[in-house]
Amino acid sequence: MSIDKLEQYRFLKLEKQDLAENIDYYESLLDRLYKRLKRCNNDIEEIENFIVSEDDEIIKQIIKMRFLDNRKWIDVSMALGSSNESYARNLFNRYLKKSNERQQ
């Protein structure tokens, strides 16, 4: 054993403690990240199942274009054959209102 090695002891003990604390922190962080990822996956699956189960093809297309493709309401309305910007939005809002009334 050398004197250099023995002199490192104190610093090695400090580094060991620091590493252990970092591992605990990152394990906790990793656990939270996995929980968030699981929640995201569950929400995505719920939304996709909702879209697939929708019987009204117009509403399904509105949902896909507006929320999945992030298109503007005017673009969605035009894709549905209307130059009225509020056409698709109004259809969707009426659908939501009826859907919410059925759930209550």
C-alpha atoms as a PDB file:
ATOM      1  CA  MET A   1       0.000   0.000   0.000  1.00  0.00           C
ATOM      2  CA  SER A   2       1.360   3.405  -0.911  1.00  0.00           C
ATOM      3  CA  ILE A   3       1.077   6.703   0.913  1.00  0.00           C
ATOM      4  CA  ASP A   4      -0.683   8.180  -2.137  1.00  0.00           C
ATOM      5  CA  LYS A   5      -3.311   5.493  -1.945  1.00  0.00           C
ATOM      6  CA  LEU A   6      -3.791   5.979   1.792  1.00  0.00           C
ATOM      7  CA  GLU A   7      -4.139   9.737   1.315  1.00  0.00           C
ATOM      8  CA  GLN A   8      -7.004   9.132  -1.123  1.00  0.00           C
ATOM      9  CA  TYR A   9      -9.052   7.354   1.538  1.00  0.00           C
ATOM     10  CA  ARG A  10     -10.780  10.456   2.870  1.00  0.00           C
ATOM     11  CA  PHE A  11     -11.709  11.638  -0.614  1.00  0.00           C
ATOM     12  CA  LEU A  12     -12.836   8.211  -1.687  1.00  0.00           C
ATOM     13  CA  LYS A  13     -15.192   8.030   1.312  1.00  0.00           C
ATOM     14  CA  LEU A  14     -16.660  11.433   0.372  1.00  0.00           C
ATOM     15  CA  GLU A  15     -17.000  10.398  -3.253  1.00  0.00           C
ATOM     16  CA  LYS A  16     -18.660   7.129  -2.220  1.00  0.00           C
ATOM     17  CA  GLN A  17     -21.212   9.036  -0.117  1.00  0.00           C
ATOM     18  CA  ASP A  18     -21.844  11.495  -2.947  1.00  0.00           C
ATOM     19  CA  LEU A  19     -22.304   8.689  -5.473  1.00  0.00           C
ATOM     20  CA  ALA A  20     -24.729   6.849  -3.185  1.00  0.00           C
ATOM     21  CA  GLU A  21     -26.792  10.030  -2.750  1.00  0.00           C
ATOM     22  CA  ASN A  22     -26.782  10.624  -6.514  1.00  0.00           C
ATOM     23  CA  ILE A  23     -27.898   7.060  -7.153  1.00  0.00           C
ATOM     24  CA  ASP A  24     -30.785   7.469  -4.712  1.00  0.00           C
ATOM     25  CA  TYR A  25     -31.779  10.759  -6.339  1.00  0.00           C
ATOM     26  CA  TYR A  26     -31.630   9.411  -9.878  1.00  0.00           C
ATOM     27  CA  GLU A  27     -33.469   6.223  -8.944  1.00  0.00           C
ATOM     28  CA  SER A  28     -36.249   8.382  -7.499  1.00  0.00           C
ATOM     29  CA  LEU A  29     -36.220  10.582 -10.599  1.00  0.00           C
ATOM     30  CA  LEU A  30     -36.237   7.558 -12.883  1.00  0.00           C
ATOM     31  CA  ASP A  31     -39.203   6.116 -10.978  1.00  0.00           C
ATOM     32  CA  ARG A  32     -41.129   9.374 -11.447  1.00  0.00           C
ATOM     33  CA  LEU A  33     -40.243   9.440 -15.136  1.00  0.00           C
ATOM     34  CA  TYR A  34     -41.467   5.869 -15.608  1.00  0.00           C
ATOM     35  CA  LYS A  35     -44.742   6.768 -13.879  1.00  0.00           C
ATOM     36  CA  ARG A  36     -45.182   9.793 -16.155  1.00  0.00           C
ATOM     37  CA  LEU A  37     -44.372   7.667 -19.213  1.00  0.00           C
ATOM     38  CA  LYS A  38     -46.934   5.075 -18.137  1.00  0.00           C
ATOM     39  CA  ARG A  39     -49.542   7.810 -17.621  1.00  0.00           C
ATOM     40  CA  CYS A  40     -48.776   9.247 -21.080  1.00  0.00           C
ATOM     41  CA  ASN A  41     -49.052   5.821 -22.679  1.00  0.00           C
ATOM     42  CA  ASN A  42     -52.362   5.172 -20.909  1.00  0.00           C
ATOM     43  CA  ASP A  43     -53.772   8.533 -22.005  1.00  0.00           C
ATOM     44  CA  ILE A  44     -52.622   8.009 -25.589  1.00  0.00           C
ATOM     45  CA  GLU A  45     -54.190   4.554 -25.632  1.00  0.00           C
ATOM     46  CA  GLU A  46     -57.441   5.938 -24.197  1.00  0.00           C
ATOM     47  CA  ILE A  47     -57.589   8.634 -26.887  1.00  0.00           C
ATOM     48  CA  GLU A  48     -56.758   6.206 -29.687  1.00  0.00           C
ATOM     49  CA  ASN A  49     -59.398   3.748 -28.457  1.00  0.00           C
ATOM     50  CA  PHE A  50     -61.936   6.580 -28.300  1.00  0.00           C
ATOM     51  CA  ILE A  51     -61.183   7.578 -31.893  1.00  0.00           C
ATOM     52  CA  VAL A  52     -61.300   4.009 -33.190  1.00  0.00           C
ATOM     53  CA  SER A  53     -64.583   3.338 -31.412  1.00  0.00           C
ATOM     54  CA  GLU A  54     -66.287   6.463 -32.792  1.00  0.00           C
ATOM     55  CA  ASP A  55     -69.042   5.501 -35.232  1.00  0.00           C
ATOM     56  CA  ASP A  56     -69.541   8.927 -36.822  1.00  0.00           C
ATOM     57  CA  GLU A  57     -66.933   9.097 -39.578  1.00  0.00           C
ATOM     58  CA  ILE A  58     -67.175  12.880 -39.930  1.00  0.00           C
ATOM     59  CA  ILE A  59     -66.511  13.372 -36.233  1.00  0.00           C
ATOM     60  CA  LYS A  60     -63.703  10.827 -36.417  1.00  0.00           C
ATOM     61  CA  GLN A  61     -62.108  12.774 -39.287  1.00  0.00           C
ATOM     62  CA  ILE A  62     -62.541  16.065 -37.453  1.00  0.00           C
ATOM     63  CA  ILE A  63     -60.836  14.630 -34.373  1.00  0.00           C
ATOM     64  CA  LYS A  64     -57.986  13.166 -36.415  1.00  0.00           C
ATOM     65  CA  MET A  65     -57.361  16.302 -38.447  1.00  0.00           C
ATOM     66  CA  ARG A  66     -57.709  18.797 -35.609  1.00  0.00           C
ATOM     67  CA  PHE A  67     -56.151  16.972 -32.681  1.00  0.00           C
ATOM     68  CA  LEU A  68     -53.855  14.332 -34.164  1.00  0.00           C
ATOM     69  CA  ASP A  69     -52.662  16.263 -37.220  1.00  0.00           C
ATOM     70  CA  ASN A  70     -52.864  19.638 -35.401  1.00  0.00           C
ATOM     71  CA  ARG A  71     -54.626  21.310 -38.309  1.00  0.00           C
ATOM     72  CA  LYS A  72     -56.444  24.615 -37.964  1.00  0.00           C
ATOM     73  CA  TRP A  73     -60.234  24.654 -37.847  1.00  0.00           C
ATOM     74  CA  ILE A  74     -60.405  26.373 -41.245  1.00  0.00           C
ATOM     75  CA  ASP A  75     -58.281  23.594 -42.762  1.00  0.00           C
ATOM     76  CA  VAL A  76     -60.499  20.941 -41.217  1.00  0.00           C
ATOM     77  CA  SER A  77     -63.636  22.694 -42.471  1.00  0.00           C
ATOM     78  CA  MET A  78     -62.193  23.026 -45.961  1.00  0.00           C
ATOM     79  CA  ALA A  79     -61.202  19.349 -45.998  1.00  0.00           C
ATOM     80  CA  LEU A  80     -64.843  18.586 -45.186  1.00  0.00           C
ATOM     81  CA  GLY A  81     -65.986  20.742 -48.096  1.00  0.00           C
ATOM     82  CA  SER A  82     -66.918  23.972 -46.349  1.00  0.00           C
ATOM     83  CA  SER A  83     -65.236  27.358 -46.604  1.00  0.00           C
ATOM     84  CA  ASN A  84     -66.858  28.377 -43.311  1.00  0.00           C
ATOM     85  CA  GLU A  85     -64.139  28.283 -40.649  1.00  0.00           C
ATOM     86  CA  SER A  86     -66.586  27.422 -37.882  1.00  0.00           C
ATOM     87  CA  TYR A  87     -68.243  24.513 -39.729  1.00  0.00           C
ATOM     88  CA  ALA A  88     -66.028  21.736 -38.336  1.00  0.00           C
ATOM     89  CA  ARG A  89     -65.728  23.398 -34.940  1.00  0.00           C
ATOM     90  CA  ASN A  90     -69.520  23.721 -34.641  1.00  0.00           C
ATOM     91  CA  LEU A  91     -70.036  20.086 -35.639  1.00  0.00           C
ATOM     92  CA  PHE A  92     -67.485  18.992 -33.075  1.00  0.00           C
ATOM     93  CA  ASN A  93     -68.893  21.218 -30.312  1.00  0.00           C
ATOM     94  CA  ARG A  94     -72.415  19.880 -30.927  1.00  0.00           C
ATOM     95  CA  TYR A  95     -71.043  16.356 -30.822  1.00  0.00           C
ATOM     96  CA  LEU A  96     -69.291  17.055 -27.495  1.00  0.00           C
ATOM     97  CA  LYS A  97     -72.410  18.625 -26.035  1.00  0.00           C
ATOM     98  CA  LYS A  98     -74.557  15.608 -26.995  1.00  0.00           C
ATOM     99  CA  SER A  99     -71.884  13.226 -25.761  1.00  0.00           C
ATOM    100  CA  ASN A 100     -71.670  14.986 -22.399  1.00  0.00           C
ATOM    101  CA  GLU A 101     -75.465  15.019 -22.045  1.00  0.00           C
ATOM    102  CA  ARG A 102     -75.556  11.249 -22.654  1.00  0.00           C
ATOM    103  CA  GLN A 103     -72.925  10.649 -19.999  1.00  0.00           C
ATOM    104  CA  GLN A 104     -74.832  12.557 -17.316  1.00  0.00           C
END
